[in-house]
């Protein structure tokens, strides 16, 4: 018997890895000593640390969920690579960190070169845009674990933040205001429910729906927005007390994570426009308000907490970066929780 007969193609994997190495090199900064290839990657921190007095490493690992399945069906795996980087980047941005390097994990039931390279090309493109080095990863073939044609994708990002500038929510106080930044759509959350709706209601990705003013597949594949270019300069120039990246769990499930004891957040759902795709999914899927709120971002992808005296300046600065920004609520004294006012 041969390994390839069991579903694992070692020679094919080695050939793909050579191409991945070439792609990854396009993202390398001068700090990369050894990237894709060796048993471990080497990154020289010395030049970076010169700008820090008390540097702290920040890491986050995340995936893109079952949007993978939809992306494969729609034929757009390149955008999934971009989504992965942006999702992870937003996570460490929520702590005030600047990104340094990225690693990915891609596992399939069997090796499919075209899919792998399309995803990696997306990852590299996003890394180049954000000046992040893709320094390593893992390409796994796992027949028996993954069903035929299925795969998974995970990314890990590493960044740096000055210890005194860590944004952890501990300075949040009653009276602070919440600024909501508009999302592009679902980003990378809620797709298992979306796929169920598509299947049961027999929706077609290529069909045009007037309620969303576009083809369903195109709207659902809207990217996970990268907030770093607009928000990081704000972090450097203003006092931001807390940052919430709205992912799985929606606004209440994520905003509560940065609240200190004795503070509750009150969010008005009428203070920002619910994007058409969410209204469409709610109606056609007959989804309850509570389910919508707990599953989707509803049109707000990131929330900044700031003092009342700074809110106008911060809002203006963000709008100068072409962000759509809304004052969506306030911090009140009380139990550590998120209260949603008004209805969808």
Foldseek 3Di string as FASTA:
>chain_A
DDPVVVFEDPVVVVVLLVVLVVLLVLLDDPQWPAFADDPDTGGHCVVVCVVADAKDKDKDKDALPCVVVLCVVVVQLLLRLLLQVLVRLQVVVQFLWQWEAKEKEKEELHDDSVSVVSSSNSVSVNSNVSSYGHGYYYYYHRNPVDPPPDMTMMMMIMTMDHPVLTQQLPPDDFQWFKKFWFWLAQARFDVVVVVVLCVVVVADQQDADVLQRGRNSVSSSPHGDRCCVLVSVVSVPDPWNGKWFAHQQADFHTVLRRHDFQKEKEFEPVQDQQHSVLVVCCVSVVDDQVRSRGTGNRTTGMMIIDHPVCVVVSCVSSVVVVIDMTRTTTMHGDGSGYHYDDTD
